[in-house]
């Protein structure tokens, strides 16, 4: 028996093909990377979209991963990194630079997430922002505030690897599902926010179920910010 011909496609290329946008199951998704140094993260962001949709499919849209807290959102991104053939570690111990005005010395703290492959690695400090989809001005102000906090915390991480701030954004509609016009307007607002990379997904059947406080969450976005 002769040996099977060896593929000329590298594992990385195969993975990127698997995670190509045409393969994604969610009907409304977007990945944009204005910052060239972050282009290597595209497979991770595409994988994140798939992981969000997969979670919702498993729970038949009766549960959404992004309406939970910061740590829950970070866990989805960490899982997406592994699915994209990267590595990830959460909540690990690091030295943090003193916060001017409140601390005199550097201290030991925890970093939210570190992801890496053979050629790239980023230390990530994350925040989550729940914002009203029917009030873009208020939503943008809240998002900008969380972006500033994420960048500040990323800058405090005493680490040689590149650092990023990350903001998970979960817009909500109170009392009734968001309509198409509101979702489109919100997406347009997101594109006006300065960032190093952005991804979003409006998962299939995301508005089947409301949260305990009567809110519907039609989509989730992720902003990555250079520190």
C-alpha atoms as a PDB file:
ATOM      1  CA  UNK A   1       0.000   0.000   0.000  1.00  0.00           C
ATOM      2  CA  UNK A   2       1.395   3.392  -0.933  1.00  0.00           C
ATOM      3  CA  UNK A   3       1.414   6.256   1.501  1.00  0.00           C
ATOM      4  CA  UNK A   4      -1.386   8.769   1.126  1.00  0.00           C
ATOM      5  CA  UNK A   5      -0.227  12.060  -0.392  1.00  0.00           C
ATOM      6  CA  UNK A   6       0.655  14.623   2.221  1.00  0.00           C
ATOM      7  CA  UNK A   7      -1.393  17.798   2.287  1.00  0.00           C
ATOM      8  CA  UNK A   8       0.396  20.970   1.235  1.00  0.00           C
ATOM      9  CA  UNK A   9      -1.927  23.001   3.450  1.00  0.00           C
ATOM     10  CA  UNK A  10      -0.555  23.831   6.888  1.00  0.00           C
ATOM     11  CA  UNK A  11      -2.634  23.136  10.039  1.00  0.00           C
ATOM     12  CA  UNK A  12      -3.000  26.887  10.484  1.00  0.00           C
ATOM     13  CA  UNK A  13      -4.339  27.307   6.939  1.00  0.00           C
ATOM     14  CA  UNK A  14      -6.728  24.385   7.403  1.00  0.00           C
ATOM     15  CA  UNK A  15      -7.985  25.931  10.624  1.00  0.00           C
ATOM     16  CA  UNK A  16      -8.499  29.321   8.984  1.00  0.00           C
ATOM     17  CA  UNK A  17     -10.437  27.643   6.170  1.00  0.00           C
ATOM     18  CA  UNK A  18     -12.631  25.852   8.715  1.00  0.00           C
ATOM     19  CA  UNK A  19     -13.273  29.151  10.475  1.00  0.00           C
ATOM     20  CA  UNK A  20     -13.884  31.152   7.309  1.00  0.00           C
ATOM     21  CA  UNK A  21     -16.857  33.475   7.381  1.00  0.00           C
ATOM     22  CA  UNK A  22     -18.729  31.327   4.858  1.00  0.00           C
ATOM     23  CA  UNK A  23     -18.660  28.457   7.347  1.00  0.00           C
ATOM     24  CA  UNK A  24     -20.251  30.374  10.190  1.00  0.00           C
ATOM     25  CA  UNK A  25     -23.754  29.348  11.118  1.00  0.00           C
ATOM     26  CA  UNK A  26     -24.936  32.618  12.661  1.00  0.00           C
ATOM     27  CA  UNK A  27     -26.835  34.771  10.194  1.00  0.00           C
ATOM     28  CA  UNK A  28     -25.568  38.207  11.247  1.00  0.00           C
ATOM     29  CA  UNK A  29     -21.895  38.451  12.094  1.00  0.00           C
ATOM     30  CA  UNK A  30     -18.943  40.715  11.477  1.00  0.00           C
ATOM     31  CA  UNK A  31     -15.202  40.750  12.064  1.00  0.00           C
ATOM     32  CA  UNK A  32     -13.155  43.875  11.389  1.00  0.00           C
ATOM     33  CA  UNK A  33      -9.496  44.397  12.257  1.00  0.00           C
ATOM     34  CA  UNK A  34      -8.334  47.976  11.594  1.00  0.00           C
ATOM     35  CA  UNK A  35      -5.015  47.356  13.385  1.00  0.00           C
ATOM     36  CA  UNK A  36      -2.698  45.264  11.195  1.00  0.00           C
ATOM     37  CA  UNK A  37      -0.725  43.747  14.124  1.00  0.00           C
ATOM     38  CA  UNK A  38      -3.955  42.086  15.318  1.00  0.00           C
ATOM     39  CA  UNK A  39      -4.746  40.404  11.999  1.00  0.00           C
ATOM     40  CA  UNK A  40      -3.429  37.148  13.444  1.00  0.00           C
ATOM     41  CA  UNK A  41      -6.406  37.146  15.820  1.00  0.00           C
ATOM     42  CA  UNK A  42      -8.948  36.776  13.018  1.00  0.00           C
ATOM     43  CA  UNK A  43      -9.308  32.977  13.474  1.00  0.00           C
ATOM     44  CA  UNK A  44      -9.927  33.510  17.199  1.00  0.00           C
ATOM     45  CA  UNK A  45     -12.613  36.127  16.575  1.00  0.00           C
ATOM     46  CA  UNK A  46     -14.329  33.941  13.993  1.00  0.00           C
ATOM     47  CA  UNK A  47     -14.161  31.050  16.437  1.00  0.00           C
ATOM     48  CA  UNK A  48     -15.658  33.265  19.159  1.00  0.00           C
ATOM     49  CA  UNK A  49     -18.665  33.909  16.935  1.00  0.00           C
ATOM     50  CA  UNK A  50     -19.101  30.185  16.364  1.00  0.00           C
ATOM     51  CA  UNK A  51     -18.766  29.420  20.072  1.00  0.00           C
ATOM     52  CA  UNK A  52     -21.466  31.941  20.993  1.00  0.00           C
ATOM     53  CA  UNK A  53     -23.840  30.418  18.452  1.00  0.00           C
ATOM     54  CA  UNK A  54     -22.934  26.881  19.536  1.00  0.00           C
ATOM     55  CA  UNK A  55     -23.760  27.641  23.178  1.00  0.00           C
ATOM     56  CA  UNK A  56     -27.149  29.033  22.208  1.00  0.00           C
ATOM     57  CA  UNK A  57     -27.873  26.053  19.954  1.00  0.00           C
ATOM     58  CA  UNK A  58     -27.056  23.593  22.755  1.00  0.00           C
ATOM     59  CA  UNK A  59     -29.493  25.370  25.087  1.00  0.00           C
ATOM     60  CA  UNK A  60     -32.132  25.800  22.365  1.00  0.00           C
ATOM     61  CA  UNK A  61     -31.895  29.586  22.825  1.00  0.00           C
ATOM     62  CA  UNK A  62     -33.199  29.366  26.398  1.00  0.00           C
ATOM     63  CA  UNK A  63     -29.871  30.669  27.697  1.00  0.00           C
ATOM     64  CA  UNK A  64     -27.356  33.190  26.369  1.00  0.00           C
ATOM     65  CA  UNK A  65     -23.673  33.125  27.374  1.00  0.00           C
ATOM     66  CA  UNK A  66     -23.197  36.868  27.063  1.00  0.00           C
ATOM     67  CA  UNK A  67     -25.912  38.048  29.462  1.00  0.00           C
ATOM     68  CA  UNK A  68     -23.791  36.731  32.330  1.00  0.00           C
ATOM     69  CA  UNK A  69     -20.826  38.449  33.964  1.00  0.00           C
ATOM     70  CA  UNK A  70     -17.340  39.326  32.790  1.00  0.00           C
ATOM     71  CA  UNK A  71     -15.834  35.960  33.687  1.00  0.00           C
ATOM     72  CA  UNK A  72     -18.485  34.063  31.732  1.00  0.00           C
ATOM     73  CA  UNK A  73     -17.766  36.158  28.649  1.00  0.00           C
ATOM     74  CA  UNK A  74     -14.019  35.687  29.040  1.00  0.00           C
ATOM     75  CA  UNK A  75     -14.537  31.920  29.255  1.00  0.00           C
ATOM     76  CA  UNK A  76     -16.238  31.900  25.849  1.00  0.00           C
ATOM     77  CA  UNK A  77     -13.300  33.799  24.332  1.00  0.00           C
ATOM     78  CA  UNK A  78     -10.836  31.407  25.977  1.00  0.00           C
ATOM     79  CA  UNK A  79     -12.743  28.442  24.577  1.00  0.00           C
ATOM     80  CA  UNK A  80     -12.767  30.089  21.160  1.00  0.00           C
ATOM     81  CA  UNK A  81      -8.984  30.429  21.292  1.00  0.00           C
ATOM     82  CA  UNK A  82      -8.596  26.702  21.962  1.00  0.00           C
ATOM     83  CA  UNK A  83     -11.057  25.871  19.168  1.00  0.00           C
ATOM     84  CA  UNK A  84      -8.944  28.011  16.822  1.00  0.00           C
ATOM     85  CA  UNK A  85      -5.858  25.955  17.742  1.00  0.00           C
ATOM     86  CA  UNK A  86      -4.488  28.637  20.062  1.00  0.00           C
ATOM     87  CA  UNK A  87      -3.835  28.308  23.785  1.00  0.00           C
ATOM     88  CA  UNK A  88      -5.534  30.211  26.596  1.00  0.00           C
ATOM     89  CA  UNK A  89      -5.220  30.629  30.334  1.00  0.00           C
ATOM     90  CA  UNK A  90      -7.589  32.614  32.570  1.00  0.00           C
ATOM     91  CA  UNK A  91      -7.251  34.388  35.907  1.00  0.00           C
ATOM     92  CA  UNK A  92      -3.527  33.831  36.320  1.00  0.00           C
ATOM     93  CA  UNK A  93      -1.274  35.617  38.778  1.00  0.00           C
ATOM     94  CA  UNK A  94       0.744  38.613  37.547  1.00  0.00           C
ATOM     95  CA  UNK A  95       2.484  41.638  38.959  1.00  0.00           C
ATOM     96  CA  UNK A  96       0.521  44.841  38.433  1.00  0.00           C
ATOM     97  CA  UNK A  97       2.004  48.307  38.194  1.00  0.00           C
ATOM     98  CA  UNK A  98       0.997  50.746  40.921  1.00  0.00           C
ATOM     99  CA  UNK A  99      -2.117  52.762  40.164  1.00  0.00           C
ATOM    100  CA  UNK A 100      -1.048  56.392  40.404  1.00  0.00           C
ATOM    101  CA  UNK A 101      -2.863  58.206  43.174  1.00  0.00           C
ATOM    102  CA  UNK A 102      -4.156  55.131  44.992  1.00  0.00           C
ATOM    103  CA  UNK A 103      -1.164  52.791  45.339  1.00  0.00           C
ATOM    104  CA  UNK A 104       2.467  53.383  46.213  1.00  0.00           C
ATOM    105  CA  UNK A 105       3.931  50.086  45.033  1.00  0.00           C
ATOM    106  CA  UNK A 106       3.289  47.440  42.434  1.00  0.00           C
ATOM    107  CA  UNK A 107       1.251  44.489  43.642  1.00  0.00           C
ATOM    108  CA  UNK A 108       0.356  40.910  42.823  1.00  0.00           C
ATOM    109  CA  UNK A 109      -2.949  40.589  41.016  1.00  0.00           C
ATOM    110  CA  UNK A 110      -4.707  38.499  38.394  1.00  0.00           C
ATOM    111  CA  UNK A 111      -4.928  38.970  34.670  1.00  0.00           C
ATOM    112  CA  UNK A 112      -8.185  38.030  32.967  1.00  0.00           C
ATOM    113  CA  UNK A 113      -6.856  36.126  29.966  1.00  0.00           C
ATOM    114  CA  UNK A 114      -3.730  35.272  28.033  1.00  0.00           C
ATOM    115  CA  UNK A 115      -3.980  33.749  24.559  1.00  0.00           C
ATOM    116  CA  UNK A 116      -1.149  32.643  22.302  1.00  0.00           C
ATOM    117  CA  UNK A 117      -0.086  30.480  19.409  1.00  0.00           C
ATOM    118  CA  UNK A 118       3.390  29.765  18.056  1.00  0.00           C
ATOM    119  CA  UNK A 119       3.860  33.305  16.730  1.00  0.00           C
ATOM    120  CA  UNK A 120       1.531  35.639  18.649  1.00  0.00           C
ATOM    121  CA  UNK A 121       0.569  36.246  22.254  1.00  0.00           C
ATOM    122  CA  UNK A 122      -1.614  38.806  24.011  1.00  0.00           C
ATOM    123  CA  UNK A 123      -2.393  39.571  27.624  1.00  0.00           C
ATOM    124  CA  UNK A 124      -6.024  40.718  27.865  1.00  0.00           C
ATOM    125  CA  UNK A 125      -7.917  42.693  30.507  1.00  0.00           C
ATOM    126  CA  UNK A 126     -11.664  42.514  29.967  1.00  0.00           C
ATOM    127  CA  UNK A 127     -14.808  44.443  30.857  1.00  0.00           C
ATOM    128  CA  UNK A 128     -18.459  43.855  30.042  1.00  0.00           C
ATOM    129  CA  UNK A 129     -21.008  46.528  29.192  1.00  0.00           C
ATOM    130  CA  UNK A 130     -24.785  46.036  29.168  1.00  0.00           C
ATOM    131  CA  UNK A 131     -26.285  48.950  27.270  1.00  0.00           C
ATOM    132  CA  UNK A 132     -29.757  50.003  26.043  1.00  0.00           C
ATOM    133  CA  UNK A 133     -30.145  49.322  22.342  1.00  0.00           C
ATOM    134  CA  UNK A 134     -32.786  52.055  21.999  1.00  0.00           C
ATOM    135  CA  UNK A 135     -30.492  54.830  23.271  1.00  0.00           C
ATOM    136  CA  UNK A 136     -27.308  54.870  21.148  1.00  0.00           C
ATOM    137  CA  UNK A 137     -25.897  58.030  22.756  1.00  0.00           C
ATOM    138  CA  UNK A 138     -26.149  56.620  26.261  1.00  0.00           C
ATOM    139  CA  UNK A 139     -24.870  53.251  25.048  1.00  0.00           C
ATOM    140  CA  UNK A 140     -21.846  54.815  23.391  1.00  0.00           C
ATOM    141  CA  UNK A 141     -20.976  56.808  26.517  1.00  0.00           C
ATOM    142  CA  UNK A 142     -21.117  53.646  28.634  1.00  0.00           C
ATOM    143  CA  UNK A 143     -19.039  51.696  26.119  1.00  0.00           C
ATOM    144  CA  UNK A 144     -16.397  54.438  25.941  1.00  0.00           C
ATOM    145  CA  UNK A 145     -16.147  54.409  29.729  1.00  0.00           C
ATOM    146  CA  UNK A 146     -15.624  50.638  29.803  1.00  0.00           C
ATOM    147  CA  UNK A 147     -13.041  50.933  27.010  1.00  0.00           C
ATOM    148  CA  UNK A 148     -11.074  53.432  29.085  1.00  0.00           C
ATOM    149  CA  UNK A 149     -11.197  51.098  32.101  1.00  0.00           C
ATOM    150  CA  UNK A 150     -10.062  48.113  30.033  1.00  0.00           C
ATOM    151  CA  UNK A 151      -7.102  50.026  28.588  1.00  0.00           C
ATOM    152  CA  UNK A 152      -6.161  51.332  32.038  1.00  0.00           C
ATOM    153  CA  UNK A 153      -6.176  47.845  33.528  1.00  0.00           C
ATOM    154  CA  UNK A 154      -4.251  46.385  30.584  1.00  0.00           C
ATOM    155  CA  UNK A 155      -1.572  49.038  31.044  1.00  0.00           C
ATOM    156  CA  UNK A 156      -1.151  47.984  34.660  1.00  0.00           C
ATOM    157  CA  UNK A 157      -0.177  44.423  33.751  1.00  0.00           C
ATOM    158  CA  UNK A 158       3.586  44.093  34.208  1.00  0.00           C
ATOM    159  CA  UNK A 159       4.237  41.739  31.313  1.00  0.00           C
ATOM    160  CA  UNK A 160       6.553  41.622  28.303  1.00  0.00           C
ATOM    161  CA  UNK A 161       3.897  40.409  25.869  1.00  0.00           C
ATOM    162  CA  UNK A 162       1.585  42.833  24.029  1.00  0.00           C
ATOM    163  CA  UNK A 163      -1.462  43.844  26.063  1.00  0.00           C
ATOM    164  CA  UNK A 164      -5.036  44.435  24.996  1.00  0.00           C
ATOM    165  CA  UNK A 165      -8.182  45.755  26.563  1.00  0.00           C
ATOM    166  CA  UNK A 166     -11.359  43.866  25.685  1.00  0.00           C
ATOM    167  CA  UNK A 167     -14.946  45.023  26.101  1.00  0.00           C
ATOM    168  CA  UNK A 168     -17.843  42.623  25.651  1.00  0.00           C
ATOM    169  CA  UNK A 169     -20.962  44.596  24.728  1.00  0.00           C
ATOM    170  CA  UNK A 170     -24.438  43.162  25.251  1.00  0.00           C
ATOM    171  CA  UNK A 171     -27.158  45.572  24.106  1.00  0.00           C
ATOM    172  CA  UNK A 172     -30.596  44.922  25.522  1.00  0.00           C
ATOM    173  CA  UNK A 173     -34.193  45.832  24.786  1.00  0.00           C
ATOM    174  CA  UNK A 174     -36.400  46.141  27.866  1.00  0.00           C
ATOM    175  CA  UNK A 175     -39.816  44.509  27.800  1.00  0.00           C
ATOM    176  CA  UNK A 176     -39.926  43.492  24.147  1.00  0.00           C
ATOM    177  CA  UNK A 177     -37.564  42.121  21.484  1.00  0.00           C
ATOM    178  CA  UNK A 178     -35.400  44.635  19.654  1.00  0.00           C
ATOM    179  CA  UNK A 179     -36.453  45.333  16.097  1.00  0.00           C
ATOM    180  CA  UNK A 180     -34.293  45.163  12.982  1.00  0.00           C
ATOM    181  CA  UNK A 181     -33.908  48.938  12.744  1.00  0.00           C
ATOM    182  CA  UNK A 182     -32.585  49.151  16.308  1.00  0.00           C
ATOM    183  CA  UNK A 183     -30.063  46.385  15.677  1.00  0.00           C
ATOM    184  CA  UNK A 184     -28.859  48.023  12.463  1.00  0.00           C
ATOM    185  CA  UNK A 185     -28.486  51.398  14.142  1.00  0.00           C
ATOM    186  CA  UNK A 186     -26.557  49.833  17.006  1.00  0.00           C
ATOM    187  CA  UNK A 187     -24.190  48.061  14.624  1.00  0.00           C
ATOM    188  CA  UNK A 188     -23.591  51.333  12.812  1.00  0.00           C
ATOM    189  CA  UNK A 189     -22.764  53.025  16.123  1.00  0.00           C
ATOM    190  CA  UNK A 190     -20.283  50.262  16.966  1.00  0.00           C
ATOM    191  CA  UNK A 191     -18.406  50.845  13.718  1.00  0.00           C
ATOM    192  CA  UNK A 192     -17.861  54.477  14.711  1.00  0.00           C
ATOM    193  CA  UNK A 193     -15.990  53.500  17.893  1.00  0.00           C
ATOM    194  CA  UNK A 194     -12.216  53.565  17.598  1.00  0.00           C
ATOM    195  CA  UNK A 195     -10.726  50.133  18.277  1.00  0.00           C
ATOM    196  CA  UNK A 196      -8.004  47.739  17.167  1.00  0.00           C
ATOM    197  CA  UNK A 197     -10.469  44.965  16.291  1.00  0.00           C
ATOM    198  CA  UNK A 198     -14.196  44.356  16.463  1.00  0.00           C
ATOM    199  CA  UNK A 199     -16.454  41.333  16.152  1.00  0.00           C
ATOM    200  CA  UNK A 200     -20.161  40.894  16.639  1.00  0.00           C
ATOM    201  CA  UNK A 201     -22.840  38.288  16.186  1.00  0.00           C
ATOM    202  CA  UNK A 202     -26.630  38.441  16.355  1.00  0.00           C
ATOM    203  CA  UNK A 203     -27.217  34.742  17.010  1.00  0.00           C
ATOM    204  CA  UNK A 204     -30.111  32.805  15.587  1.00  0.00           C
ATOM    205  CA  UNK A 205     -33.102  32.852  17.968  1.00  0.00           C
ATOM    206  CA  UNK A 206     -31.256  35.051  20.488  1.00  0.00           C
ATOM    207  CA  UNK A 207     -34.497  36.831  21.364  1.00  0.00           C
ATOM    208  CA  UNK A 208     -36.502  33.669  21.977  1.00  0.00           C
ATOM    209  CA  UNK A 209     -36.045  34.121  25.731  1.00  0.00           C
ATOM    210  CA  UNK A 210     -35.736  37.193  27.951  1.00  0.00           C
ATOM    211  CA  UNK A 211     -33.578  37.501  31.052  1.00  0.00           C
ATOM    212  CA  UNK A 212     -34.888  37.376  34.622  1.00  0.00           C
ATOM    213  CA  UNK A 213     -35.482  41.134  34.510  1.00  0.00           C
ATOM    214  CA  UNK A 214     -37.426  41.108  31.235  1.00  0.00           C
ATOM    215  CA  UNK A 215     -34.601  42.151  28.920  1.00  0.00           C
ATOM    216  CA  UNK A 216     -33.953  40.756  25.447  1.00  0.00           C
ATOM    217  CA  UNK A 217     -30.358  40.555  24.194  1.00  0.00           C
ATOM    218  CA  UNK A 218     -30.325  40.340  20.381  1.00  0.00           C
ATOM    219  CA  UNK A 219     -26.560  40.431  19.857  1.00  0.00           C
ATOM    220  CA  UNK A 220     -23.136  40.631  21.440  1.00  0.00           C
ATOM    221  CA  UNK A 221     -20.041  42.514  20.326  1.00  0.00           C
ATOM    222  CA  UNK A 222     -16.388  42.358  21.283  1.00  0.00           C
ATOM    223  CA  UNK A 223     -14.033  45.318  21.021  1.00  0.00           C
ATOM    224  CA  UNK A 224     -10.267  44.846  21.308  1.00  0.00           C
ATOM    225  CA  UNK A 225      -8.227  47.904  22.231  1.00  0.00           C
ATOM    226  CA  UNK A 226      -4.479  48.439  22.052  1.00  0.00           C
ATOM    227  CA  UNK A 227      -3.049  49.574  25.368  1.00  0.00           C
END
